[in-house]
Protein backbone atom coordinates (compact mmCIF):
# COMPACT_ATOMS: atom_id res chain seq x y z
CA MET A 1 33.66 70.50 32.99
CA ASN A 2 35.38 71.53 36.04
CA ASN A 3 39.02 70.96 36.47
CA ASN A 4 38.80 67.95 38.82
CA GLU A 5 36.34 66.33 35.77
CA LEU A 6 39.14 66.99 33.31
CA ASN A 7 41.78 65.37 35.57
CA ASN A 8 39.67 61.86 35.94
CA GLN A 9 39.63 61.77 32.14
CA PRO A 10 42.48 59.34 30.41
CA GLU A 11 45.65 60.29 30.29
CA ASN A 12 45.61 59.70 26.50
CA LEU A 13 42.60 61.09 25.68
CA GLU A 14 41.38 64.85 24.72
CA THR A 15 37.78 65.85 25.93
CA GLN A 16 36.24 68.60 24.83
CA ASN A 17 32.41 69.72 25.36
CA SER A 18 30.10 69.64 21.97
CA ASP A 19 27.48 72.00 21.10
CA GLU A 20 25.16 69.80 22.97
CA GLY A 21 27.08 69.14 26.08
CA MET A 22 28.10 65.58 24.79
CA PRO A 23 31.53 64.36 25.52
CA VAL A 24 33.33 63.94 22.17
CA THR A 25 36.56 62.16 22.22
CA ASP A 26 39.25 62.57 19.17
CA ASP A 27 40.93 59.42 20.56
CA LEU A 28 38.11 57.17 20.47
CA GLU A 29 38.62 56.09 16.90
CA ASP A 30 42.18 55.94 17.22
CA MET A 31 41.39 53.18 20.43
CA ILE A 32 38.66 51.43 18.08
CA GLU A 33 41.49 50.97 15.34
CA GLN A 34 44.16 49.26 17.82
CA LEU A 35 41.65 46.68 18.97
CA PRO A 36 42.90 43.44 18.34
CA GLU A 37 40.82 42.12 15.31
CA ASN A 38 39.43 38.95 17.10
CA PHE A 39 35.67 40.24 19.17
CA PRO A 40 36.27 37.91 22.25
CA GLN A 41 40.27 39.45 22.33
CA ALA A 42 38.85 42.94 22.10
CA LEU A 43 36.14 42.36 25.10
CA PRO A 44 38.03 43.48 27.99
CA ILE A 45 38.97 46.80 26.15
CA ILE A 46 35.70 47.28 24.74
CA GLN A 47 34.15 46.81 28.66
CA ASN A 48 36.71 48.66 30.30
CA GLU A 49 37.88 51.50 28.36
CA ILE A 50 35.33 52.33 25.63
CA ALA A 51 31.99 51.54 26.44
CA PRO A 52 32.32 53.93 29.67
CA ILE A 53 32.64 56.47 26.96
CA ILE A 54 30.79 55.73 24.66
CA ALA A 55 27.92 55.62 27.28
CA GLN A 56 28.23 59.56 27.17
CA CYS A 57 27.72 59.71 23.42
CA ASP A 58 24.04 60.44 21.99
CA PRO A 59 22.19 57.73 19.71
CA GLY A 60 23.84 58.40 16.80
CA LEU A 61 27.55 58.14 17.61
CA LYS A 62 26.79 55.45 19.77
CA ASP A 63 25.60 53.54 16.58
CA HIS A 64 28.21 54.87 14.47
CA TYR A 65 31.24 53.56 17.32
CA ILE A 66 29.44 50.45 17.64
CA SER A 67 29.70 49.97 14.00
CA LEU A 68 33.58 50.80 13.92
CA ILE A 69 34.02 48.00 16.85
CA LYS A 70 31.75 45.56 14.68
CA LYS A 71 34.12 45.91 11.73
CA ARG A 72 36.94 46.19 13.57
CA THR A 73 36.93 42.99 15.19
CA LYS A 74 34.97 40.95 13.13
CA ALA A 75 32.09 40.87 15.50
CA ALA A 76 29.25 38.61 14.01
CA SER A 77 27.11 41.53 14.75
CA LYS A 78 26.16 45.17 15.74
CA ARG A 79 23.98 43.85 18.08
CA ALA A 80 26.61 41.36 20.01
CA VAL A 81 28.73 44.75 20.19
CA GLN A 82 25.82 46.57 21.43
CA LEU A 83 25.03 44.07 24.25
CA GLU A 84 28.41 43.96 25.60
CA ILE A 85 28.37 47.69 25.83
CA GLU A 86 24.95 47.87 27.17
CA ASN A 87 26.44 45.19 29.87
CA ALA A 88 29.45 47.29 30.76
CA ILE A 89 27.23 50.39 31.33
CA ASN A 90 24.92 48.63 33.75
CA VAL A 91 27.74 47.37 35.64
CA VAL A 92 29.43 50.72 36.37
CA THR A 93 25.45 51.58 36.96
CA GLU A 94 25.55 49.26 39.49
CA GLU A 95 28.85 50.40 41.23
CA ASP A 96 26.92 53.37 42.00
CA ILE A 97 29.51 55.77 40.07
CA LEU A 98 26.83 57.73 38.09
CA PRO A 99 25.01 58.13 41.25
CA THR A 100 28.55 59.84 43.08
CA GLU A 101 28.37 61.84 40.09
CA GLN A 102 25.15 63.03 40.37
CA GLN A 103 25.27 63.95 43.66
CA GLU A 104 28.04 66.19 43.35
CA THR A 105 26.39 68.30 41.05
CA ARG A 106 23.16 68.00 43.18
CA ILE A 107 21.76 71.49 44.75
CA ILE A 108 19.14 70.10 47.10
CA ASP A 109 17.12 72.90 48.61
CA PRO A 110 17.89 73.61 52.91
CA GLU A 111 13.83 73.70 53.56
CA ILE A 112 13.27 70.19 51.51
CA GLN A 113 15.73 68.82 53.46
CA GLN A 114 14.87 69.96 56.59
CA MET A 115 11.31 68.42 55.68
CA ALA A 116 12.84 65.36 54.51
CA ASP A 117 14.48 64.90 57.69
CA ARG A 118 11.21 65.76 60.05
CA ILE A 119 9.31 62.81 57.69
CA ALA A 120 12.34 59.94 58.77
CA ASN A 121 12.22 61.09 62.33
CA ASP A 122 8.53 61.37 62.69
CA PRO A 123 6.66 58.70 64.78
CA GLN A 124 3.60 58.50 62.42
CA LEU A 125 5.21 58.87 59.05
CA PHE A 126 3.56 55.30 57.89
CA LYS A 127 0.23 56.93 59.03
CA ASN A 128 1.27 60.46 57.64
CA ARG A 129 2.93 59.18 54.23
CA ILE A 130 -0.89 57.66 53.87
CA GLU A 131 -2.82 60.35 54.25
CA MET A 132 -0.53 62.11 52.01
CA VAL A 133 -1.91 60.28 49.07
CA ASN A 134 -4.63 60.52 50.48
CA ARG A 135 -4.94 64.47 50.63
CA LEU A 136 -3.91 64.16 46.78
CA GLY A 137 -7.19 62.93 45.78
CA VAL A 138 -7.95 59.30 46.68
CA ILE A 139 -10.83 58.32 48.53
CA GLY A 140 -10.27 55.59 51.18
CA GLU A 141 -8.30 52.58 50.13
CA ARG A 142 -6.34 53.04 53.27
CA ARG A 143 -4.76 49.76 53.81
CA ASN A 144 -4.04 49.19 50.26
CA ILE A 145 -2.06 52.18 50.15
CA GLY A 146 -0.17 51.37 52.67
CA ILE A 147 0.55 48.30 50.74
CA TYR A 148 1.29 49.50 47.42
CA GLN A 149 3.64 51.84 49.30
CA THR A 150 5.30 48.52 52.04
CA VAL A 151 5.64 46.96 48.34
CA ILE A 152 7.68 49.60 46.68
CA ASP A 153 9.56 49.91 50.26
CA SER A 154 10.49 46.37 50.04
CA SER A 155 12.61 46.36 47.29
CA LEU A 156 15.20 48.13 49.56
CA LEU A 157 15.32 45.01 51.54
CA PRO A 158 18.92 43.12 50.76
CA MET A 159 19.05 40.01 49.20
CA GLY A 160 17.96 37.18 52.12
CA THR A 161 20.57 33.13 52.20
CA SER A 162 17.33 31.71 50.33
CA GLY A 163 16.83 34.60 47.75
CA SER A 164 14.95 38.04 47.26
CA GLU A 165 12.60 39.16 50.37
CA ALA A 166 11.21 41.96 48.10
CA LEU A 167 7.42 41.93 48.31
CA ALA A 168 4.87 41.57 45.31
CA ALA A 169 1.14 42.25 45.09
CA LYS A 170 -1.52 42.83 42.87
CA ASN A 171 -4.86 43.93 43.38
CA SER A 172 -8.02 42.32 42.07
CA GLY A 173 -11.25 43.63 41.09
CA PRO A 174 -13.86 44.85 38.83
CA GLN A 175 -13.09 47.12 35.83
CA GLY A 176 -14.01 50.78 37.30
CA SER A 177 -12.94 49.67 40.51
CA GLY A 178 -10.49 52.21 41.22
CA LYS A 179 -6.69 50.23 41.16
CA SER A 180 -4.94 51.93 39.67
CA HIS A 181 -5.96 54.96 40.33
CA PRO A 182 -4.45 54.69 43.94
CA LEU A 183 -1.07 52.98 42.50
CA PHE A 184 -0.81 56.56 40.33
CA THR A 185 -1.35 58.34 43.22
CA THR A 186 1.14 56.96 45.70
CA LEU A 187 4.15 57.02 42.70
CA LYS A 188 3.70 61.13 43.33
CA LEU A 189 5.82 60.62 46.60
CA TYR A 190 8.30 58.38 45.06
CA PRO A 191 11.46 59.28 42.57
CA LYS A 192 11.19 57.93 39.57
CA SER A 193 14.80 55.99 40.31
CA ALA A 194 12.32 53.98 43.03
CA TYR A 195 10.44 51.94 40.22
CA TYR A 196 10.27 51.05 36.88
CA LEU A 197 6.54 51.29 35.25
CA ILE A 198 5.26 49.02 32.25
CA THR A 199 1.90 48.61 30.39
CA SER A 200 3.37 45.30 28.95
CA GLY A 201 6.57 43.75 26.95
CA SER A 202 8.11 40.81 26.13
CA ALA A 203 9.96 38.72 28.72
CA LYS A 204 13.21 39.20 26.93
CA SER A 205 12.90 42.90 27.14
CA LEU A 206 13.86 43.23 30.68
CA TYR A 207 17.00 41.91 30.09
CA ASN A 208 18.21 45.13 28.07
CA LEU A 209 16.78 47.96 30.93
CA ASN A 210 19.84 50.37 30.85
CA ASP A 211 19.25 50.93 34.07
CA GLY A 212 18.63 47.25 35.84
CA LEU A 213 16.00 46.47 38.27
CA LYS A 214 18.36 46.36 41.54
CA HIS A 215 16.51 48.04 44.09
CA LYS A 216 13.24 49.03 42.17
CA ALA A 217 9.91 48.11 42.13
CA LEU A 218 8.59 46.68 39.17
CA ILE A 219 5.11 48.19 38.23
CA LEU A 220 2.57 46.03 35.63
CA THR A 221 -0.25 48.66 34.91
CA GLU A 222 -2.64 45.64 33.96
CA ALA A 223 -1.64 41.91 34.54
CA LEU A 224 -3.02 40.83 31.13
CA GLN A 225 0.37 38.53 30.37
CA LEU A 226 0.23 37.06 33.96
CA GLN A 227 -3.09 35.24 33.87
CA SER A 228 -3.87 31.64 34.80
CA GLY A 229 -4.83 29.54 31.96
CA ARG A 230 -3.14 32.07 29.29
CA GLN A 231 -2.50 30.43 26.35
CA GLY A 232 0.85 29.63 24.71
CA ASP A 233 4.56 30.09 26.84
CA ASN A 234 4.01 32.77 29.27
CA GLU A 235 7.70 33.26 29.80
CA LEU A 236 7.07 36.85 31.02
CA ALA A 237 5.19 35.19 33.99
CA TYR A 238 8.27 32.87 34.45
CA CYS A 239 10.88 35.81 34.14
CA ILE A 240 9.31 37.76 36.74
CA ARG A 241 8.62 35.00 39.04
CA THR A 242 12.22 33.88 39.34
CA LEU A 243 13.17 38.11 39.29
CA ILE A 244 11.21 38.73 42.76
CA SER A 245 11.73 34.90 44.04
CA GLU A 246 15.36 34.73 43.77
CA GLY A 247 16.38 38.16 43.02
CA HIS A 248 18.28 37.90 40.15
CA LEU A 249 17.51 36.73 36.18
CA LYS A 250 20.17 35.08 33.77
CA TYR A 251 19.55 34.68 30.13
CA GLN A 252 21.65 33.06 27.59
CA TYR A 253 21.75 32.56 24.10
CA THR A 254 23.65 31.51 21.13
CA GLY A 255 25.34 33.63 19.10
CA PHE A 256 28.29 33.85 16.40
CA ILE A 257 31.61 35.41 16.86
CA ASP A 258 34.24 34.80 13.82
CA LYS A 259 31.42 32.45 12.49
CA LYS A 260 31.59 30.49 15.55
CA LYS A 261 28.89 29.74 17.82
CA VAL A 262 29.51 31.41 20.94
CA THR A 263 26.97 31.33 24.46
CA ILE A 264 26.34 34.91 24.72
CA LYS A 265 25.27 35.84 28.63
CA GLN A 266 22.85 38.63 30.46
CA ASP A 267 22.33 39.53 33.87
CA LEU A 268 19.04 41.22 35.43
CA LYS A 269 20.30 42.15 38.97
CA GLY A 270 17.26 42.65 42.06
CA PRO A 271 15.94 42.55 44.46
CA THR A 272 12.73 43.77 42.66
CA SER A 273 9.77 44.45 43.88
CA LEU A 274 6.62 43.93 42.04
CA LEU A 275 3.00 45.80 41.70
CA THR A 276 -0.08 44.78 39.44
CA THR A 277 -3.38 44.82 39.10
CA SER A 278 -5.97 42.78 37.45
CA ILE A 279 -9.67 42.42 36.65
CA HIS A 280 -9.23 38.76 36.94
CA GLY A 281 -9.58 36.48 40.44
CA LYS A 282 -6.20 34.52 39.57
CA LEU A 283 -2.54 35.08 37.99
CA GLU A 284 -0.09 31.96 36.77
CA GLU A 285 -0.09 29.70 39.34
CA GLN A 286 2.88 30.01 40.47
CA LEU A 287 3.12 33.61 40.67
CA GLU A 288 -0.21 33.66 42.54
CA ASP A 289 1.42 31.88 45.25
CA ARG A 290 3.79 34.25 45.23
CA MET A 291 2.03 38.02 46.00
CA ILE A 292 -0.12 39.48 48.62
CA THR A 293 -3.66 40.15 46.82
CA ILE A 294 -5.49 42.84 47.56
CA HIS A 295 -9.52 44.43 46.63
CA PRO A 296 -10.64 47.55 45.82
CA ASN A 297 -13.39 48.79 48.15
CA THR A 298 -16.56 48.80 45.85
CA THR A 299 -19.32 49.55 48.28
CA ALA A 300 -22.24 52.23 47.61
CA GLU A 301 -20.72 54.36 50.01
CA GLN A 302 -17.49 54.09 48.52
CA THR A 303 -18.62 55.38 44.98
CA ARG A 304 -20.64 58.02 46.97
CA ASP A 305 -17.28 59.72 48.68
CA ILE A 306 -15.45 59.29 45.56
CA ILE A 307 -18.37 61.31 43.20
CA SER A 308 -18.25 64.12 46.27
CA ARG A 309 -14.80 64.13 46.16
CA THR A 310 -14.86 64.05 42.38
CA ALA A 311 -16.83 67.44 42.76
CA GLU A 312 -15.24 69.19 44.67
CA MET A 313 -11.63 68.81 43.15
CA ALA A 314 -13.17 70.01 39.93
CA SER A 315 -14.57 72.92 41.80
CA GLY A 316 -11.30 74.05 43.27
CA ASN A 317 -12.31 73.34 46.97
CA GLY A 318 -9.93 69.91 47.10
CA ASP A 319 -6.78 69.52 49.58
CA THR A 320 -4.05 70.48 47.26
CA VAL A 321 -0.54 69.59 47.89
CA ASP A 322 2.44 71.71 47.10
CA LYS A 323 5.63 70.56 45.06
CA LYS A 324 8.09 71.16 48.06
CA THR A 325 5.83 68.75 50.27
CA LEU A 326 6.14 66.28 47.81
CA ASP A 327 9.64 66.48 46.91
CA ALA A 328 10.70 66.06 51.11
CA TRP A 329 8.91 62.89 50.29
CA LYS A 330 10.97 61.79 47.63
CA LEU A 331 14.49 63.15 49.46
CA PHE A 332 12.95 61.03 52.32
CA TYR A 333 13.03 57.91 50.21
CA GLU A 334 16.43 58.49 48.73
CA SER A 335 18.00 58.89 52.06
CA LEU A 336 17.28 55.24 53.14
CA GLU A 337 19.59 52.71 52.83
CA PRO A 338 19.20 49.33 51.74
CA VAL A 339 20.16 47.42 55.03
CA SER A 340 19.37 44.00 56.66
CA VAL A 341 16.62 43.95 59.24
CA LEU A 342 16.23 41.46 62.39
CA ILE A 343 12.90 40.62 64.38
CA PRO A 344 13.70 39.48 68.00
CA TYR A 345 10.45 38.41 68.30
CA ALA A 346 9.76 36.51 65.13
CA LYS A 347 9.83 33.26 67.30
CA ASP A 348 6.48 33.95 69.10
CA ILE A 349 4.92 35.16 65.49
CA ALA A 350 5.38 31.40 64.48
CA GLU A 351 4.63 29.76 67.83
CA PHE A 352 0.66 31.74 67.29
CA ILE A 353 0.18 30.55 63.72
CA ASN A 354 1.11 27.10 64.72
CA ARG A 355 -1.29 27.29 67.31
CA ARG A 356 -3.86 27.02 64.81
CA GLY A 357 -3.21 23.69 63.55
CA SER A 358 -2.70 21.95 60.62
CA LEU A 359 -1.52 24.46 58.17
CA PRO A 360 -1.71 24.18 54.26
CA ILE A 361 1.52 24.22 52.55
CA ALA A 362 0.98 28.12 51.28
CA SER A 363 1.26 29.16 54.75
CA ARG A 364 5.16 28.67 53.81
CA ARG A 365 5.63 31.32 52.04
CA ALA A 366 2.64 33.82 53.34
CA PHE A 367 4.67 33.66 56.80
CA LYS A 368 7.66 34.85 54.97
CA ARG A 369 5.68 37.96 53.50
CA VAL A 370 4.91 38.80 56.74
CA LEU A 371 8.35 38.66 58.08
CA ALA A 372 9.30 40.52 54.66
CA THR A 373 6.14 43.12 55.38
CA ILE A 374 7.88 43.77 58.86
CA LYS A 375 11.69 43.71 58.01
CA THR A 376 9.92 46.80 55.45
CA ILE A 377 8.37 49.10 57.70
CA ALA A 378 11.13 49.05 60.10
CA LEU A 379 13.66 49.61 57.53
CA ILE A 380 11.60 53.24 56.34
CA HIS A 381 11.68 53.68 60.37
CA GLN A 382 15.86 52.84 59.98
CA ARG A 383 16.26 56.69 61.72
CA GLN A 384 14.10 56.20 64.84
CA ARG A 385 15.45 51.97 65.37
CA SER A 386 18.27 50.83 67.76
CA ARG A 387 20.91 48.38 65.28
CA ASP A 388 23.14 45.60 66.69
CA ASP A 389 27.18 45.48 66.41
CA MET A 390 26.99 44.89 62.95
CA GLY A 391 24.49 47.42 62.12
CA ASN A 392 21.47 45.58 61.53
CA VAL A 393 17.94 47.73 61.91
CA ILE A 394 16.15 46.00 65.01
CA ALA A 395 12.47 45.51 64.36
CA GLU A 396 10.20 46.75 66.99
CA TYR A 397 6.74 45.64 68.01
CA SER A 398 5.46 48.45 66.96
CA ASP A 399 6.08 47.35 63.31
CA TYR A 400 4.06 44.35 63.59
CA ALA A 401 1.23 45.98 64.86
CA LEU A 402 1.01 47.93 61.45
CA ALA A 403 2.07 44.89 58.92
CA TYR A 404 -0.64 42.82 60.73
CA GLN A 405 -3.00 46.06 59.83
CA LEU A 406 -1.79 45.80 56.43
CA VAL A 407 -1.08 41.77 55.50
CA GLY A 408 -3.64 40.01 57.90
CA ASP A 409 -6.92 39.13 55.50
CA ALA A 410 -4.42 38.42 52.87
CA PHE A 411 -2.44 36.14 54.87
CA ARG A 412 -6.04 34.58 55.73
CA GLU A 413 -6.75 34.62 51.68
CA SER A 414 -3.51 32.73 51.16
CA LEU A 415 -4.58 30.37 53.51
CA GLY A 416 -7.89 29.66 51.73
CA GLU A 417 -10.04 31.37 54.08
CA GLY A 418 -12.23 32.40 51.60
CA GLN A 419 -11.72 35.84 49.90
CA ARG A 420 -12.31 39.41 51.51
CA TYR A 421 -15.19 40.92 50.00
CA THR A 422 -16.04 44.63 49.84
CA ASP A 423 -18.71 44.98 47.94
CA ASP A 424 -21.91 44.93 49.64
CA ARG A 425 -23.77 42.60 47.04
CA MET A 426 -20.83 39.88 46.77
CA ARG A 427 -21.27 39.32 51.14
CA ILE A 428 -24.91 39.53 51.00
CA ILE A 429 -24.57 36.18 48.33
CA ASP A 430 -21.44 34.74 50.38
CA LYS A 431 -23.83 34.74 53.26
CA GLU A 432 -27.23 34.00 51.78
CA GLY A 433 -26.18 31.39 48.90
CA GLN A 434 -28.20 31.35 45.98
CA ILE A 435 -30.76 34.34 45.44
CA THR A 436 -32.47 35.66 42.73
CA PRO A 437 -31.51 39.14 41.30
CA ARG A 438 -34.90 40.61 42.42
CA ALA A 439 -34.26 39.48 46.30
CA LEU A 440 -30.43 40.93 45.60
CA SER A 441 -31.73 44.03 44.58
CA GLU A 442 -34.45 44.53 47.46
CA LYS A 443 -31.66 43.28 49.94
CA ASP A 444 -28.96 46.61 48.88
CA GLY A 445 -31.38 48.73 47.83
CA VAL A 446 -31.00 48.83 43.85
CA THR A 447 -32.90 48.31 41.13
CA THR A 448 -33.15 44.41 38.97
CA ALA A 449 -31.28 46.54 36.32
CA ALA A 450 -28.58 47.57 38.30
CA ILE A 451 -27.86 44.15 39.52
CA SER A 452 -27.64 42.74 36.12
């Protein structure tokens, strides 16, 4: 610990390093002993003075100090004490104190910094980032890769007047069709601080995330618990729906302090974007209405290309990407500033859409997703875009051109204009109507057994 760090410590504490580099405070137990013997009265001191110190301790010491606090303040349970400490730690994290400390000690390779600067100023950065995922082993799927990246990026959009503008998307397709591989490969270009990955969980487990979900993407690898028609109270779907729509999630429950019932509140802050995959066509109805739906490429040609590329990678002849390049893309993302974006031509887009005549109610949210996509694309080009006097980024027409390519089909599907089939067999069925397996096999050039 350097002199500056020592000078920043509370004057009444003597701080020294333990063998494992964790802070040990000789006077912490004395501070706890001086707490009021009433948990509500002791809370301000616990949150402002004790929690920041406990946050730096290892799990064993944390548990020890929590036990001491429970005993001294006559709290109803250790869990009640732990929740208040975790909430206080989250506040510290949200105020960007910890990231600032990390930046002071982090040494960035000048070469990687130069590469990140070139990425930020490259007019082709959106295209190049997709191609980088292709170089890492994903065949095709360029539009889906672009949507994955845009959804993650959208978590950087500041909260709007009517809630969060962060996007949500699901990739819906059959098992083994290549939904997860492009997603996990895309994540290689992002720092771990940009997303939170879970395979399953309960709704209440979200509230206890130490780092929160502010300006992060929530990656749910399989949307089993978000399926349409799932039996029982689907609380997880409700919580995720609220989080991506409103940008925050509040939970309160009844606990006991000094043998009295009290209301304990927890607050999970966004904005948070969402990415998930599903083998089912529809998720929970209200959540479905908030998502961009995409589909994997399941054509026979895509299957042949994947087999060929897999063989190349196995033989050592595949394209490779060095670690510095990946680190540069991560550093580029870390350099992005959460900033508001204005779309001067938004009214023109609205007039163009309204020419279609009668529109379903679903078009309201679908149009907001279009605008959020444009804003997100402009946001990642923020070093290349002009700003107004308030510091807002001004979106260009090129941002709309990219957004149109990305979400045009998904927008039409949201309006009920039919699913965009990527499988040749599904296209034949859609065109021909009822057809026998034998007739379908003849048209598709495969055996009847394969059709079955």
